[in-house]
Amino acid sequence: MKVLIDFFPILLFFGAYKFADIYTATATLMVATVVQMSLIYTLDKKLQTMHKITLLLVVIFGTLTLVLQDERFIKWKPTVLYGAMAIALAIALWGMRKNFLKLLLGSQLSLPDAVWLRLNWAWIVYCAFMAAINAYVAAYFSTDAWVNFKLWGYVFPLVFIVGQGLYIAPHLSEHDKPKEGS
């Protein structure tokens, strides 16, 4: 169910773009993201910081795209989001000596500090990579190519999450591992 909720806005964005244009797709994305966040809030009784930031950026960049009739804003939103995440994680780690991943997820997962550090580094590199690749596609390719990249580019986060899970699995303590048959 949560996977469907996660893909809901991008699938609707892609469909609206294919049947109409970037501006219809942007308005669809904005509405779909508000619905998505409402569903997440209904299920979890709260929104994570990342959800709030995503919603805010979709609304701001979507509004700029629609009001100014300039598709560059919606195309650059992922670059801003991923870039901000990479910078925030790096500043927290190097400047504040805090591991935000551990602060956010440490109550849910019991992992050694060295694993948390490597995960934090992996997230910094991943977010920087995603910001760079989106910037490249947004700057040098057509809107059609960028929209297709947004849909098929979901392979990057899926591979990253699966890889992260495979890396974490051997380090989980017994009480964090799923029970047999669950």
Protein backbone atom coordinates (compact mmCIF):
# COMPACT_ATOMS: atom_id res chain seq x y z
CA MET A 1 0.00 0.00 0.00
CA LYS A 2 2.77 2.44 0.96
CA VAL A 3 4.66 1.70 -2.28
CA LEU A 4 1.52 2.53 -4.26
CA ILE A 5 1.12 5.76 -2.29
CA ASP A 6 4.78 6.65 -3.00
CA PHE A 7 4.42 6.18 -6.78
CA PHE A 8 0.94 7.71 -7.05
CA PRO A 9 2.02 11.33 -7.81
CA ILE A 10 4.74 10.47 -10.34
CA LEU A 11 2.47 8.05 -12.22
CA LEU A 12 -0.29 10.66 -12.42
CA PHE A 13 2.27 13.31 -13.46
CA PHE A 14 3.54 11.03 -16.24
CA GLY A 15 0.02 10.18 -17.43
CA ALA A 16 -1.11 13.82 -17.41
CA TYR A 17 1.99 14.82 -19.36
CA LYS A 18 1.45 12.12 -21.99
CA PHE A 19 -2.23 13.05 -22.45
CA ALA A 20 -1.89 16.83 -22.10
CA ASP A 21 1.19 18.97 -21.38
CA ILE A 22 3.75 19.88 -18.72
CA TYR A 23 1.46 22.44 -17.11
CA THR A 24 -1.44 20.01 -16.73
CA ALA A 25 1.05 17.45 -15.43
CA THR A 26 2.42 19.98 -12.92
CA ALA A 27 -1.06 20.82 -11.61
CA THR A 28 -1.80 17.09 -11.40
CA LEU A 29 1.44 16.51 -9.49
CA MET A 30 0.55 19.26 -7.02
CA VAL A 31 -2.91 17.83 -6.33
CA ALA A 32 -1.62 14.25 -6.22
CA THR A 33 1.11 15.21 -3.75
CA VAL A 34 -1.42 16.91 -1.45
CA VAL A 35 -3.60 13.77 -1.63
CA GLN A 36 -0.53 11.58 -1.05
CA MET A 37 0.48 13.52 2.04
CA SER A 38 -3.10 13.45 3.32
CA LEU A 39 -3.13 9.66 2.97
CA ILE A 40 0.23 9.34 4.71
CA TYR A 41 -0.98 11.61 7.51
CA THR A 42 -4.18 9.56 7.84
CA LEU A 43 -2.24 6.30 8.05
CA ASP A 44 0.68 7.45 10.24
CA LYS A 45 -0.94 10.35 12.14
CA LYS A 46 2.08 12.50 11.22
CA LEU A 47 4.28 13.59 8.34
CA GLN A 48 8.02 13.07 8.41
CA THR A 49 10.23 16.11 7.79
CA MET A 50 11.05 14.77 4.31
CA HIS A 51 7.34 14.61 3.48
CA LYS A 52 6.85 18.20 4.56
CA ILE A 53 9.83 19.41 2.52
CA THR A 54 8.68 17.47 -0.55
CA LEU A 55 5.17 18.91 -0.27
CA LEU A 56 6.51 22.43 0.19
CA LEU A 57 8.85 22.17 -2.82
CA VAL A 58 6.17 20.66 -5.07
CA VAL A 59 3.78 23.46 -4.17
CA ILE A 60 6.39 26.24 -4.55
CA PHE A 61 8.01 25.01 -7.75
CA GLY A 62 4.67 23.88 -9.18
CA THR A 63 3.12 27.28 -8.51
CA LEU A 64 6.10 29.05 -10.11
CA THR A 65 5.82 26.75 -13.13
CA LEU A 66 2.12 27.45 -13.56
CA VAL A 67 2.09 31.18 -12.77
CA LEU A 68 5.16 32.00 -14.87
CA GLN A 69 4.38 29.35 -17.54
CA ASP A 70 8.00 28.21 -17.29
CA GLU A 71 8.62 24.45 -17.13
CA ARG A 72 12.17 24.92 -15.86
CA PHE A 73 10.92 25.34 -12.28
CA ILE A 74 9.27 21.91 -12.01
CA LYS A 75 12.23 20.31 -13.81
CA TRP A 76 14.70 21.73 -11.27
CA LYS A 77 12.66 20.84 -8.17
CA PRO A 78 14.29 17.38 -7.75
CA THR A 79 17.75 18.92 -8.06
CA VAL A 80 16.96 21.39 -5.29
CA LEU A 81 15.45 18.67 -3.09
CA TYR A 82 18.30 16.18 -3.49
CA GLY A 83 20.95 18.89 -3.31
CA ALA A 84 19.48 20.27 -0.09
CA MET A 85 19.37 16.78 1.41
CA ALA A 86 23.02 16.10 0.52
CA ILE A 87 24.11 19.45 1.95
CA ALA A 88 22.03 19.06 5.12
CA LEU A 89 23.40 15.56 5.80
CA ALA A 90 26.98 16.71 5.13
CA ILE A 91 26.70 19.84 7.31
CA ALA A 92 25.15 17.82 10.11
CA LEU A 93 27.90 15.21 9.90
CA TRP A 94 30.92 17.47 9.46
CA GLY A 95 29.80 20.73 11.00
CA MET A 96 27.62 19.57 13.86
CA ARG A 97 29.09 16.08 14.36
CA LYS A 98 25.55 14.62 14.19
CA ASN A 99 24.36 11.69 12.12
CA PHE A 100 20.83 12.69 11.09
CA LEU A 101 20.04 9.22 9.75
CA LYS A 102 20.78 7.73 13.15
CA LEU A 103 18.81 10.49 14.88
CA LEU A 104 15.81 9.85 12.60
CA LEU A 105 15.93 6.05 12.44
CA GLY A 106 17.96 5.00 15.48
CA SER A 107 14.83 4.29 17.50
CA GLN A 108 13.66 1.89 14.77
CA LEU A 109 16.96 0.17 13.97
CA SER A 110 19.79 -0.89 16.23
CA LEU A 111 22.98 -0.65 14.19
CA PRO A 112 26.65 -0.11 15.09
CA ASP A 113 27.88 3.49 14.81
CA ALA A 114 30.24 2.56 11.96
CA VAL A 115 27.26 1.28 9.94
CA TRP A 116 25.29 4.46 10.63
CA LEU A 117 28.29 6.50 9.47
CA ARG A 118 28.60 4.52 6.21
CA LEU A 119 24.84 4.85 5.63
CA ASN A 120 25.05 8.60 6.15
CA TRP A 121 27.92 8.79 3.63
CA ALA A 122 25.95 6.64 1.19
CA TRP A 123 22.97 9.00 1.48
CA ILE A 124 25.18 12.05 0.90
CA VAL A 125 26.68 10.50 -2.23
CA TYR A 126 23.31 9.21 -3.46
CA CYS A 127 21.59 12.58 -3.00
CA ALA A 128 24.46 14.43 -4.68
CA PHE A 129 24.34 11.94 -7.57
CA MET A 130 20.56 12.31 -7.96
CA ALA A 131 20.82 16.12 -7.85
CA ALA A 132 23.55 16.07 -10.50
CA ILE A 133 21.84 13.62 -12.83
CA ASN A 134 18.51 15.48 -12.64
CA ALA A 135 20.31 18.79 -13.28
CA TYR A 136 22.04 17.28 -16.30
CA VAL A 137 18.84 15.87 -17.80
CA ALA A 138 16.86 19.05 -17.02
CA ALA A 139 19.51 21.28 -18.60
CA TYR A 140 20.52 19.30 -21.67
CA PHE A 141 17.51 17.23 -22.69
CA SER A 142 14.00 17.95 -23.88
CA THR A 143 11.04 18.05 -21.54
CA ASP A 144 9.87 14.74 -23.06
CA ALA A 145 13.19 13.13 -22.18
CA TRP A 146 13.12 14.64 -18.67
CA VAL A 147 9.59 13.33 -17.99
CA ASN A 148 10.61 9.87 -19.20
CA PHE A 149 13.70 10.08 -16.99
CA LYS A 150 11.48 10.97 -13.99
CA LEU A 151 9.42 7.82 -14.54
CA TRP A 152 12.17 5.37 -15.48
CA GLY A 153 14.68 7.09 -13.20
CA TYR A 154 12.81 5.56 -10.27
CA VAL A 155 15.14 2.61 -10.76
CA PHE A 156 17.86 4.64 -8.98
CA PRO A 157 16.04 4.97 -5.64
CA LEU A 158 14.80 1.38 -5.85
CA VAL A 159 18.31 0.03 -6.39
CA PHE A 160 19.65 2.29 -3.64
CA ILE A 161 17.00 1.17 -1.12
CA VAL A 162 17.48 -2.53 -1.96
CA GLY A 163 21.26 -2.14 -1.72
CA GLN A 164 20.90 -0.36 1.58
CA GLY A 165 18.67 -3.15 2.89
CA LEU A 166 21.18 -5.78 1.83
CA TYR A 167 23.96 -3.84 3.55
CA ILE A 168 21.97 -3.33 6.77
CA ALA A 169 20.60 -6.88 7.08
CA PRO A 170 23.72 -8.57 8.51
CA HIS A 171 24.13 -5.77 11.06
CA LEU A 172 20.62 -5.87 12.50
CA SER A 173 20.28 -7.07 16.05
CA GLU A 174 17.97 -10.03 16.65
CA HIS A 175 15.05 -7.91 17.86
CA ASP A 176 15.19 -5.80 14.65
CA LYS A 177 15.02 -8.79 12.27
CA PRO A 178 11.62 -9.90 10.91
CA LYS A 179 10.19 -12.99 12.58
CA GLU A 180 10.04 -16.28 10.65
CA GLY A 181 6.85 -16.42 8.58
CA SER A 182 6.21 -12.66 8.91
